[in-house]
C-alpha atoms as a PDB file:
ATOM      1  CA  UNK A   1      -0.866  -0.299 -21.573  1.00  0.00           C
ATOM      2  CA  UNK A   2      -3.523  -1.418 -19.099  1.00  0.00           C
ATOM      3  CA  UNK A   3      -3.797   0.099 -15.688  1.00  0.00           C
ATOM      4  CA  UNK A   4      -5.009  -2.226 -13.011  1.00  0.00           C
ATOM      5  CA  UNK A   5      -7.238  -1.031 -10.230  1.00  0.00           C
ATOM      6  CA  UNK A   6      -5.813  -1.024  -6.725  1.00  0.00           C
ATOM      7  CA  UNK A   7      -6.692  -3.963  -4.516  1.00  0.00           C
ATOM      8  CA  UNK A   8      -8.758  -3.400  -1.406  1.00  0.00           C
ATOM      9  CA  UNK A   9      -7.506  -5.040   1.802  1.00  0.00           C
ATOM     10  CA  UNK A  10      -9.563  -5.475   4.964  1.00  0.00           C
ATOM     11  CA  UNK A  11      -7.457  -5.227   8.119  1.00  0.00           C
ATOM     12  CA  UNK A  12      -8.546  -6.527  11.519  1.00  0.00           C
ATOM     13  CA  UNK A  13      -6.566  -5.636  14.629  1.00  0.00           C
ATOM     14  CA  UNK A  14      -7.009  -8.984  16.351  1.00  0.00           C
ATOM     15  CA  UNK A  15      -5.985  -8.802  20.004  1.00  0.00           C
ATOM     16  CA  UNK A  16      -4.190  -5.455  19.793  1.00  0.00           C
ATOM     17  CA  UNK A  17      -6.250  -3.337  22.246  1.00  0.00           C
ATOM     18  CA  UNK A  18      -4.861   0.042  21.197  1.00  0.00           C
ATOM     19  CA  UNK A  19      -4.678  -0.619  17.461  1.00  0.00           C
ATOM     20  CA  UNK A  20      -6.918   2.331  16.676  1.00  0.00           C
ATOM     21  CA  UNK A  21      -4.473   4.866  18.093  1.00  0.00           C
ATOM     22  CA  UNK A  22      -1.354   3.000  16.921  1.00  0.00           C
ATOM     23  CA  UNK A  23      -2.536   2.538  13.347  1.00  0.00           C
ATOM     24  CA  UNK A  24      -4.055   5.966  12.814  1.00  0.00           C
ATOM     25  CA  UNK A  25      -1.586   8.179  14.706  1.00  0.00           C
ATOM     26  CA  UNK A  26       1.459   6.410  13.260  1.00  0.00           C
ATOM     27  CA  UNK A  27       0.137   6.070   9.721  1.00  0.00           C
ATOM     28  CA  UNK A  28       0.556   2.298   9.618  1.00  0.00           C
ATOM     29  CA  UNK A  29      -1.081  -1.082   9.738  1.00  0.00           C
ATOM     30  CA  UNK A  30       0.798  -3.849  11.503  1.00  0.00           C
ATOM     31  CA  UNK A  31       0.516  -7.573  12.043  1.00  0.00           C
ATOM     32  CA  UNK A  32       1.953  -9.659  14.834  1.00  0.00           C
ATOM     33  CA  UNK A  33       3.744 -12.959  14.632  1.00  0.00           C
ATOM     34  CA  UNK A  34       6.954 -11.654  16.276  1.00  0.00           C
ATOM     35  CA  UNK A  35       8.199 -15.244  16.576  1.00  0.00           C
ATOM     36  CA  UNK A  36       8.383 -15.335  12.755  1.00  0.00           C
ATOM     37  CA  UNK A  37      11.064 -12.636  12.715  1.00  0.00           C
ATOM     38  CA  UNK A  38      11.510 -10.433   9.663  1.00  0.00           C
ATOM     39  CA  UNK A  39       9.020 -11.776   7.128  1.00  0.00           C
ATOM     40  CA  UNK A  40      10.938  -9.996   4.367  1.00  0.00           C
ATOM     41  CA  UNK A  41      13.903 -12.304   4.959  1.00  0.00           C
ATOM     42  CA  UNK A  42      11.895 -15.411   4.059  1.00  0.00           C
ATOM     43  CA  UNK A  43      11.986 -16.826   0.553  1.00  0.00           C
ATOM     44  CA  UNK A  44       9.044 -15.183  -1.269  1.00  0.00           C
ATOM     45  CA  UNK A  45       6.926 -18.323  -1.565  1.00  0.00           C
ATOM     46  CA  UNK A  46       3.898 -19.434   0.407  1.00  0.00           C
ATOM     47  CA  UNK A  47       5.692 -22.725   1.074  1.00  0.00           C
ATOM     48  CA  UNK A  48       8.521 -20.877   2.861  1.00  0.00           C
ATOM     49  CA  UNK A  49       5.982 -19.020   5.000  1.00  0.00           C
ATOM     50  CA  UNK A  50       4.157 -22.273   5.835  1.00  0.00           C
ATOM     51  CA  UNK A  51       7.414 -23.996   6.752  1.00  0.00           C
ATOM     52  CA  UNK A  52       8.551 -21.160   9.033  1.00  0.00           C
ATOM     53  CA  UNK A  53       5.127 -20.871  10.667  1.00  0.00           C
ATOM     54  CA  UNK A  54       5.040 -24.632  11.307  1.00  0.00           C
ATOM     55  CA  UNK A  55       8.469 -24.497  12.946  1.00  0.00           C
ATOM     56  CA  UNK A  56       7.678 -21.548  15.248  1.00  0.00           C
ATOM     57  CA  UNK A  57       4.117 -22.689  16.069  1.00  0.00           C
ATOM     58  CA  UNK A  58       4.240 -26.467  16.508  1.00  0.00           C
ATOM     59  CA  UNK A  59       0.979 -26.341  18.529  1.00  0.00           C
ATOM     60  CA  UNK A  60      -0.942 -24.742  15.627  1.00  0.00           C
ATOM     61  CA  UNK A  61      -3.742 -26.676  14.011  1.00  0.00           C
ATOM     62  CA  UNK A  62      -2.610 -28.056  10.639  1.00  0.00           C
ATOM     63  CA  UNK A  63      -5.505 -26.363   8.826  1.00  0.00           C
ATOM     64  CA  UNK A  64      -4.558 -22.977  10.261  1.00  0.00           C
ATOM     65  CA  UNK A  65      -0.995 -23.009   8.972  1.00  0.00           C
ATOM     66  CA  UNK A  66      -1.821 -22.379   5.282  1.00  0.00           C
ATOM     67  CA  UNK A  67      -4.421 -19.731   6.170  1.00  0.00           C
ATOM     68  CA  UNK A  68      -2.106 -17.750   8.465  1.00  0.00           C
ATOM     69  CA  UNK A  69       0.933 -18.206   6.229  1.00  0.00           C
ATOM     70  CA  UNK A  70      -1.089 -16.957   3.259  1.00  0.00           C
ATOM     71  CA  UNK A  71      -2.186 -13.847   5.146  1.00  0.00           C
ATOM     72  CA  UNK A  72       1.393 -13.035   6.112  1.00  0.00           C
ATOM     73  CA  UNK A  73       2.690 -13.727   2.590  1.00  0.00           C
ATOM     74  CA  UNK A  74       0.081 -11.401   1.045  1.00  0.00           C
ATOM     75  CA  UNK A  75       0.844  -8.654   3.595  1.00  0.00           C
ATOM     76  CA  UNK A  76       4.518  -8.741   2.596  1.00  0.00           C
ATOM     77  CA  UNK A  77       4.483  -9.657  -1.095  1.00  0.00           C
ATOM     78  CA  UNK A  78       1.091  -8.884  -2.641  1.00  0.00           C
ATOM     79  CA  UNK A  79       0.065  -5.641  -0.948  1.00  0.00           C
ATOM     80  CA  UNK A  80       1.358  -2.775  -3.084  1.00  0.00           C
ATOM     81  CA  UNK A  81       1.678   0.999  -2.983  1.00  0.00           C
ATOM     82  CA  UNK A  82      -1.623   2.553  -3.955  1.00  0.00           C
ATOM     83  CA  UNK A  83      -3.723  -0.374  -2.715  1.00  0.00           C
ATOM     84  CA  UNK A  84      -6.587   0.612  -0.438  1.00  0.00           C
ATOM     85  CA  UNK A  85      -6.927  -0.379   3.216  1.00  0.00           C
ATOM     86  CA  UNK A  86     -10.223  -0.668   5.066  1.00  0.00           C
ATOM     87  CA  UNK A  87      -9.881  -0.814   8.834  1.00  0.00           C
ATOM     88  CA  UNK A  88     -12.914  -0.915  11.131  1.00  0.00           C
ATOM     89  CA  UNK A  89     -11.825   0.800  14.343  1.00  0.00           C
ATOM     90  CA  UNK A  90     -13.354  -0.904  17.358  1.00  0.00           C
ATOM     91  CA  UNK A  91     -13.248   1.991  19.804  1.00  0.00           C
ATOM     92  CA  UNK A  92     -14.155   4.853  17.478  1.00  0.00           C
ATOM     93  CA  UNK A  93     -16.996   3.019  15.679  1.00  0.00           C
ATOM     94  CA  UNK A  94     -15.698   4.285  12.334  1.00  0.00           C
ATOM     95  CA  UNK A  95     -14.247   2.634   9.271  1.00  0.00           C
ATOM     96  CA  UNK A  96     -10.908   4.135   8.235  1.00  0.00           C
ATOM     97  CA  UNK A  97      -9.963   4.105   4.592  1.00  0.00           C
ATOM     98  CA  UNK A  98      -6.337   4.499   3.652  1.00  0.00           C
ATOM     99  CA  UNK A  99      -3.806   3.923   0.924  1.00  0.00           C
ATOM    100  CA  UNK A 100      -0.655   1.812   1.160  1.00  0.00           C
ATOM    101  CA  UNK A 101       2.180   4.336   0.898  1.00  0.00           C
ATOM    102  CA  UNK A 102       5.339   2.267   1.136  1.00  0.00           C
ATOM    103  CA  UNK A 103       6.922  -1.148   1.330  1.00  0.00           C
ATOM    104  CA  UNK A 104       6.717  -3.716   4.094  1.00  0.00           C
ATOM    105  CA  UNK A 105       9.269  -3.298   6.865  1.00  0.00           C
ATOM    106  CA  UNK A 106      10.138  -5.040  10.097  1.00  0.00           C
ATOM    107  CA  UNK A 107      10.296  -2.823  13.202  1.00  0.00           C
ATOM    108  CA  UNK A 108      10.597  -4.787  16.433  1.00  0.00           C
ATOM    109  CA  UNK A 109      11.639  -1.688  18.430  1.00  0.00           C
ATOM    110  CA  UNK A 110       8.519   0.402  17.789  1.00  0.00           C
ATOM    111  CA  UNK A 111       5.934  -2.369  18.219  1.00  0.00           C
ATOM    112  CA  UNK A 112       7.560  -5.487  19.729  1.00  0.00           C
ATOM    113  CA  UNK A 113       4.400  -7.605  19.483  1.00  0.00           C
ATOM    114  CA  UNK A 114       3.400  -6.273  16.030  1.00  0.00           C
ATOM    115  CA  UNK A 115       6.700  -5.769  14.197  1.00  0.00           C
ATOM    116  CA  UNK A 116       5.491  -6.374  10.642  1.00  0.00           C
ATOM    117  CA  UNK A 117       4.476  -2.972   9.326  1.00  0.00           C
ATOM    118  CA  UNK A 118       3.088  -1.245   6.234  1.00  0.00           C
ATOM    119  CA  UNK A 119       2.951   2.581   6.007  1.00  0.00           C
ATOM    120  CA  UNK A 120      -0.525   3.933   5.277  1.00  0.00           C
ATOM    121  CA  UNK A 121      -1.780   7.351   4.213  1.00  0.00           C
ATOM    122  CA  UNK A 122      -5.151   7.544   5.961  1.00  0.00           C
ATOM    123  CA  UNK A 123      -7.647   9.223   3.637  1.00  0.00           C
ATOM    124  CA  UNK A 124     -11.029   9.189   5.327  1.00  0.00           C
ATOM    125  CA  UNK A 125     -12.987   7.960   8.326  1.00  0.00           C
ATOM    126  CA  UNK A 126     -16.586   6.926   7.687  1.00  0.00           C
ATOM    127  CA  UNK A 127     -19.068   6.285  10.527  1.00  0.00           C
ATOM    128  CA  UNK A 128     -20.096   2.643  10.778  1.00  0.00           C
ATOM    129  CA  UNK A 129     -23.695   3.793  10.621  1.00  0.00           C
ATOM    130  CA  UNK A 130     -23.066   4.646   6.951  1.00  0.00           C
ATOM    131  CA  UNK A 131     -22.882   0.925   6.206  1.00  0.00           C
ATOM    132  CA  UNK A 132     -25.913  -1.310   5.895  1.00  0.00           C
ATOM    133  CA  UNK A 133     -26.404  -3.615   8.898  1.00  0.00           C
ATOM    134  CA  UNK A 134     -27.172  -6.550   6.611  1.00  0.00           C
ATOM    135  CA  UNK A 135     -23.688  -6.287   5.076  1.00  0.00           C
ATOM    136  CA  UNK A 136     -21.716  -5.316   8.149  1.00  0.00           C
ATOM    137  CA  UNK A 137     -21.550  -6.676  11.671  1.00  0.00           C
ATOM    138  CA  UNK A 138     -19.422  -5.396  14.517  1.00  0.00           C
END
């Protein structure tokens, strides 16, 4: 039996101004796209995600649809318990490292603009200064 190593996922908070406190204090990472509804209800194919995204975002650039749909699909269907999360907090100037600790769920009540959620067990916070400037930019 072979054991595979956990994947490492980089999470960016986008336009969420208080992501640092929301993510860390609630033990989660979350993505937006509230107009997509419950991503778990979509057929588990990238084509289904592309189709739904095209229908709810008709103004989107055609090249952006597969990129965004792929990100959402991976968040729901490829991220697994035990995978590692790396989140560079903007306000704290630290990089948080965590572990996925549960399945995807949809929670429009807690975070109406970021209802697509993954529970995270935050393990460590490392100062950004610990990373080489040639490999990391803010």
